[in-house]
Structure formats: C-alpha cells, structure tokens
C-alpha cells in the first residue's frame, strides 16, 4: 500500500516542481532589445530577508550587446518585457529600477553586485542563459551559479543552492561594486505594481519608455 501511495503522489510532486516554459516570438524579442551603451558588465541581484539575513532569490543582469535579466523561477514581469524561459529582454533603465523596486520591500532588501566583464564574456553569459531553459522553483541560486561557472573568469564561483553563498563568492571578484537597496513598500507589492499598470493605462508604450 505504501508503494502504491508513493507511485500516485510522485507524479503530482514532480509536476508541481516543473518549470514553466515561456517563449516570446522572435519579432517581439528583436524589437525589445536594449543596448545601453554602458561598458559590459554582469550584475548579481540577491534578495535578502531583513530580519533573518537569509537569501530569498538570485538573478543576473547582463549588459553586453543588449541588456537582459536572467530571473530564474522569478515572479517579476512587465507587459513591455518579453520573456523566454526566465530570460527577460528590453531592460531599460526604468525596467532595471522597477525590477529592484519590485523585490525591495518591508521584509526584503536587494543586494546589487556589479563587475566589469569583456564583451566576449558578456556575450557568452547571454548565450548561456538563453540555453539554460526554464528553472524550477527553489533552484534560482543553483542555476545562476551554474551559468556563471560555465563562463571563463567565473570558474571559482561555487555551484550552490544558497543565494547568500553565491553572493559572498561573487563579492570577492575583482572590481565588484556593491549597493544595498532598501524600501518599505508593502510585502504584496501592490503599490509598485499599480504604478506601472497606471502608466500603461495612460498611454505609455515601449517606444516612449526611459
């Protein structure tokens, strides 16, 4: 009987852990591409509990021929930001700030750590996150660290499930610049999201964005 119960429960458990595949059309992704003109860089975002110091999420922003965010198993989204399996395109300054504001709230801080990279490293990272595929819940740090380790220059990053361990290792890279974002927005993010919805309702488009 125990084996029968396990056989019935296991498929449900695996389905619940399955990553959701999202695939924006080619023309939408192409039109959304943003080239900032900034020097190439990679930024690690770590969401950290204010009271516990525990890591809640890891994500990467890569600024190369275009700027993208790899948001593994993330919940952030915007109508102007097309997604392909946890890779978000169209990351303008406004979307970059919105991403941080979405995560920084009364119970969470966001640690931003940025390091300069070569154009080749930036492109290798973009290609690597595009190949990664959708990520299962709770696997954000594992896949983020795996992406980094596969690119020359980041081989010493540990393969870890811990956002904090990943952040600590990333913080030891040469040239890293760190910034802590704090906010007192409600935990449900209702205010942040409503501001963006109102902007869209009042006629703002991806073409007049900043």
Protein backbone atom coordinates (compact mmCIF):
# COMPACT_ATOMS: atom_id res chain seq x y z
CA UNK A 1 0.00 0.00 0.00
CA UNK A 2 2.83 2.41 0.86
CA UNK A 3 4.46 1.82 -2.52
CA UNK A 4 1.14 2.42 -4.27
CA UNK A 5 0.66 5.74 -2.44
CA UNK A 6 4.19 6.84 -3.37
CA UNK A 7 3.60 5.93 -7.01
CA UNK A 8 0.44 8.04 -7.04
CA UNK A 9 1.96 11.04 -5.24
CA UNK A 10 5.32 11.20 -7.04
CA UNK A 11 3.96 12.33 -10.45
CA UNK A 12 1.99 15.10 -8.72
CA UNK A 13 5.09 16.21 -6.82
CA UNK A 14 7.19 16.29 -9.98
CA UNK A 15 4.51 18.25 -11.83
CA UNK A 16 4.40 20.83 -9.04
CA UNK A 17 8.18 21.24 -9.29
CA UNK A 18 8.19 21.55 -13.06
CA UNK A 19 9.41 24.79 -14.56
CA UNK A 20 7.00 26.78 -16.72
CA UNK A 21 8.17 27.32 -20.28
CA UNK A 22 7.57 30.81 -21.74
CA UNK A 23 8.65 31.69 -25.29
CA UNK A 24 8.10 35.17 -26.73
CA UNK A 25 8.06 35.43 -30.57
CA UNK A 26 11.22 36.35 -32.46
CA UNK A 27 9.95 39.71 -33.69
CA UNK A 28 8.85 40.77 -30.20
CA UNK A 29 12.22 39.89 -28.68
CA UNK A 30 14.07 41.61 -31.51
CA UNK A 31 12.08 44.86 -31.17
CA UNK A 32 12.50 44.89 -27.39
CA UNK A 33 16.31 44.63 -27.44
CA UNK A 34 18.01 47.43 -25.49
CA UNK A 35 21.63 48.44 -25.98
CA UNK A 36 22.61 50.77 -23.13
CA UNK A 37 26.00 51.86 -24.42
CA UNK A 38 27.42 51.11 -20.96
CA UNK A 39 30.68 49.20 -20.54
CA UNK A 40 29.98 45.44 -20.48
CA UNK A 41 29.10 44.13 -17.03
CA UNK A 42 27.31 41.41 -15.14
CA UNK A 43 25.23 42.18 -12.05
CA UNK A 44 24.15 39.70 -9.39
CA UNK A 45 20.92 40.53 -7.55
CA UNK A 46 20.41 38.84 -4.19
CA UNK A 47 17.15 39.24 -2.29
CA UNK A 48 17.89 39.07 1.45
CA UNK A 49 15.48 38.83 4.39
CA UNK A 50 15.70 41.93 6.60
CA UNK A 51 15.12 40.10 9.87
CA UNK A 52 16.78 36.77 9.10
CA UNK A 53 19.60 37.59 6.68
CA UNK A 54 18.51 34.57 4.65
CA UNK A 55 18.70 34.57 0.87
CA UNK A 56 15.37 34.56 -0.93
CA UNK A 57 16.32 34.85 -4.60
CA UNK A 58 19.23 35.16 -7.04
CA UNK A 59 19.21 36.70 -10.52
CA UNK A 60 21.65 38.09 -13.08
CA UNK A 61 21.58 41.22 -15.23
CA UNK A 62 23.94 41.07 -18.21
CA UNK A 63 24.85 44.23 -20.10
CA UNK A 64 26.50 43.48 -23.43
CA UNK A 65 25.27 43.83 -27.00
CA UNK A 66 21.91 44.12 -25.23
CA UNK A 67 20.83 44.15 -21.61
CA UNK A 68 18.87 41.18 -20.28
CA UNK A 69 17.89 39.81 -16.89
CA UNK A 70 18.12 36.12 -16.11
CA UNK A 71 15.42 35.74 -13.45
CA UNK A 72 15.33 32.00 -12.69
CA UNK A 73 11.93 30.92 -11.36
CA UNK A 74 11.20 34.61 -10.77
CA UNK A 75 7.77 36.23 -10.44
CA UNK A 76 8.61 39.67 -11.85
CA UNK A 77 7.16 40.60 -15.23
CA UNK A 78 6.03 43.61 -17.27
CA UNK A 79 3.96 43.96 -20.47
CA UNK A 80 6.91 45.58 -22.25
CA UNK A 81 9.42 42.91 -21.23
CA UNK A 82 9.21 39.76 -23.36
CA UNK A 83 10.42 36.57 -21.73
CA UNK A 84 11.98 33.39 -22.97
CA UNK A 85 12.32 30.75 -20.27
CA UNK A 86 13.38 33.09 -17.45
CA UNK A 87 15.39 35.44 -19.70
CA UNK A 88 13.82 38.93 -19.78
CA UNK A 89 14.55 41.27 -22.71
CA UNK A 90 14.01 45.02 -23.08
CA UNK A 91 15.72 46.01 -19.83
CA UNK A 92 15.75 49.79 -20.00
CA UNK A 93 16.82 51.90 -17.02
CA UNK A 94 13.19 52.06 -15.99
CA UNK A 95 12.76 48.27 -16.12
CA UNK A 96 16.02 47.79 -14.22
CA UNK A 97 14.78 50.12 -11.47
CA UNK A 98 11.34 48.51 -11.50
CA UNK A 99 12.94 45.08 -11.05
CA UNK A 100 14.75 46.25 -7.93
CA UNK A 101 11.73 48.14 -6.59
CA UNK A 102 9.56 45.07 -7.06
CA UNK A 103 11.81 42.96 -4.85
CA UNK A 104 12.87 45.53 -2.22
CA UNK A 105 10.07 45.80 0.35
CA UNK A 106 9.34 45.89 4.05
CA UNK A 107 10.69 42.38 4.65
CA UNK A 108 13.36 42.11 1.93
CA UNK A 109 16.44 44.03 0.82
CA UNK A 110 18.13 43.70 -2.56
CA UNK A 111 21.91 43.50 -2.77
CA UNK A 112 23.21 44.58 -6.17
CA UNK A 113 26.77 43.48 -7.05
CA UNK A 114 28.23 44.52 -10.39
CA UNK A 115 31.52 43.51 -12.01
CA UNK A 116 33.00 44.66 -15.32
CA UNK A 117 33.49 42.00 -17.98
CA UNK A 118 34.85 41.84 -21.51
CA UNK A 119 32.45 42.00 -24.47
CA UNK A 120 33.21 38.31 -25.10
CA UNK A 121 32.29 37.38 -21.52
CA UNK A 122 29.06 39.38 -21.71
CA UNK A 123 28.03 37.64 -24.94
CA UNK A 124 28.98 34.23 -23.53
CA UNK A 125 26.78 34.90 -20.50
CA UNK A 126 23.83 35.99 -22.65
CA UNK A 127 24.13 32.88 -24.81
CA UNK A 128 24.47 30.69 -21.71
CA UNK A 129 21.31 31.99 -20.00
CA UNK A 130 19.41 31.64 -23.27
CA UNK A 131 20.43 27.97 -23.41
CA UNK A 132 19.65 27.32 -19.78
CA UNK A 133 15.91 26.82 -20.06
CA UNK A 134 13.17 27.48 -17.52
CA UNK A 135 14.18 26.92 -13.90
CA UNK A 136 12.33 25.02 -11.17
CA UNK A 137 11.24 26.82 -8.02
CA UNK A 138 13.91 26.98 -5.30
CA UNK A 139 16.66 26.39 -7.89
CA UNK A 140 17.46 30.06 -8.62
CA UNK A 141 20.90 30.13 -6.97
CA UNK A 142 21.85 26.72 -8.33
CA UNK A 143 21.16 27.73 -11.93
CA UNK A 144 22.60 31.24 -11.52
CA UNK A 145 25.85 29.86 -10.12
CA UNK A 146 25.91 27.20 -12.83
CA UNK A 147 25.59 29.84 -15.54
CA UNK A 148 28.48 31.84 -14.11
CA UNK A 149 30.77 28.83 -13.65
CA UNK A 150 30.44 27.94 -17.33
CA UNK A 151 31.97 31.24 -18.49
CA UNK A 152 35.74 31.86 -18.36
CA UNK A 153 36.64 34.17 -15.49
CA UNK A 154 33.95 32.83 -13.15
CA UNK A 155 35.19 29.26 -12.67
CA UNK A 156 35.79 29.79 -8.92
CA UNK A 157 32.13 30.59 -8.24
CA UNK A 158 30.75 27.65 -6.22
CA UNK A 159 27.85 25.62 -7.56
CA UNK A 160 25.38 26.24 -4.74
CA UNK A 161 21.71 26.32 -3.80
CA UNK A 162 22.38 29.21 -1.39
CA UNK A 163 21.85 32.78 -2.63
CA UNK A 164 24.00 34.03 0.28
CA UNK A 165 26.96 31.75 -0.51
CA UNK A 166 26.73 32.78 -4.15
CA UNK A 167 26.67 36.46 -3.19
CA UNK A 168 29.66 36.07 -0.88
CA UNK A 169 31.71 34.39 -3.61
CA UNK A 170 30.64 36.94 -6.22
CA UNK A 171 31.64 39.74 -3.85
CA UNK A 172 35.25 38.54 -3.95
CA UNK A 173 35.57 39.01 -7.71
CA UNK A 174 37.98 41.77 -8.85
CA UNK A 175 36.35 45.16 -9.40
CA UNK A 176 33.00 44.33 -7.83
CA UNK A 177 30.84 47.30 -6.81
CA UNK A 178 28.03 46.64 -4.32
CA UNK A 179 24.89 48.57 -3.44
CA UNK A 180 22.15 47.66 -0.96
CA UNK A 181 18.59 48.66 -1.89
CA UNK A 182 16.14 49.10 0.98
CA UNK A 183 12.45 50.00 0.81
CA UNK A 184 9.34 49.94 2.99
CA UNK A 185 6.82 49.01 0.31
CA UNK A 186 4.11 46.54 1.42
CA UNK A 187 5.02 42.88 1.11
CA UNK A 188 2.36 42.30 -1.55
CA UNK A 189 4.00 44.86 -3.89
CA UNK A 190 0.57 46.29 -4.69
CA UNK A 191 1.79 49.90 -4.79
CA UNK A 192 4.73 49.21 -7.09
CA UNK A 193 2.65 47.13 -9.49
CA UNK A 194 -0.26 49.60 -9.59
CA UNK A 195 2.08 52.48 -10.52
CA UNK A 196 3.29 50.53 -13.55
CA UNK A 197 -0.25 49.50 -14.52
CA UNK A 198 -1.42 53.12 -14.40
CA UNK A 199 1.46 54.23 -16.63
CA UNK A 200 0.48 51.65 -19.23
CA UNK A 201 -3.20 52.63 -18.98
CA UNK A 202 -2.35 56.27 -19.60
CA UNK A 203 -0.77 55.54 -22.94
CA UNK A 204 2.90 54.97 -22.21
CA UNK A 205 4.43 52.50 -24.66
CA UNK A 206 7.77 50.74 -25.10
CA UNK A 207 8.60 53.43 -27.66
CA UNK A 208 8.42 56.36 -25.25
CA UNK A 209 9.91 54.47 -22.32
CA UNK A 210 13.02 55.59 -20.48
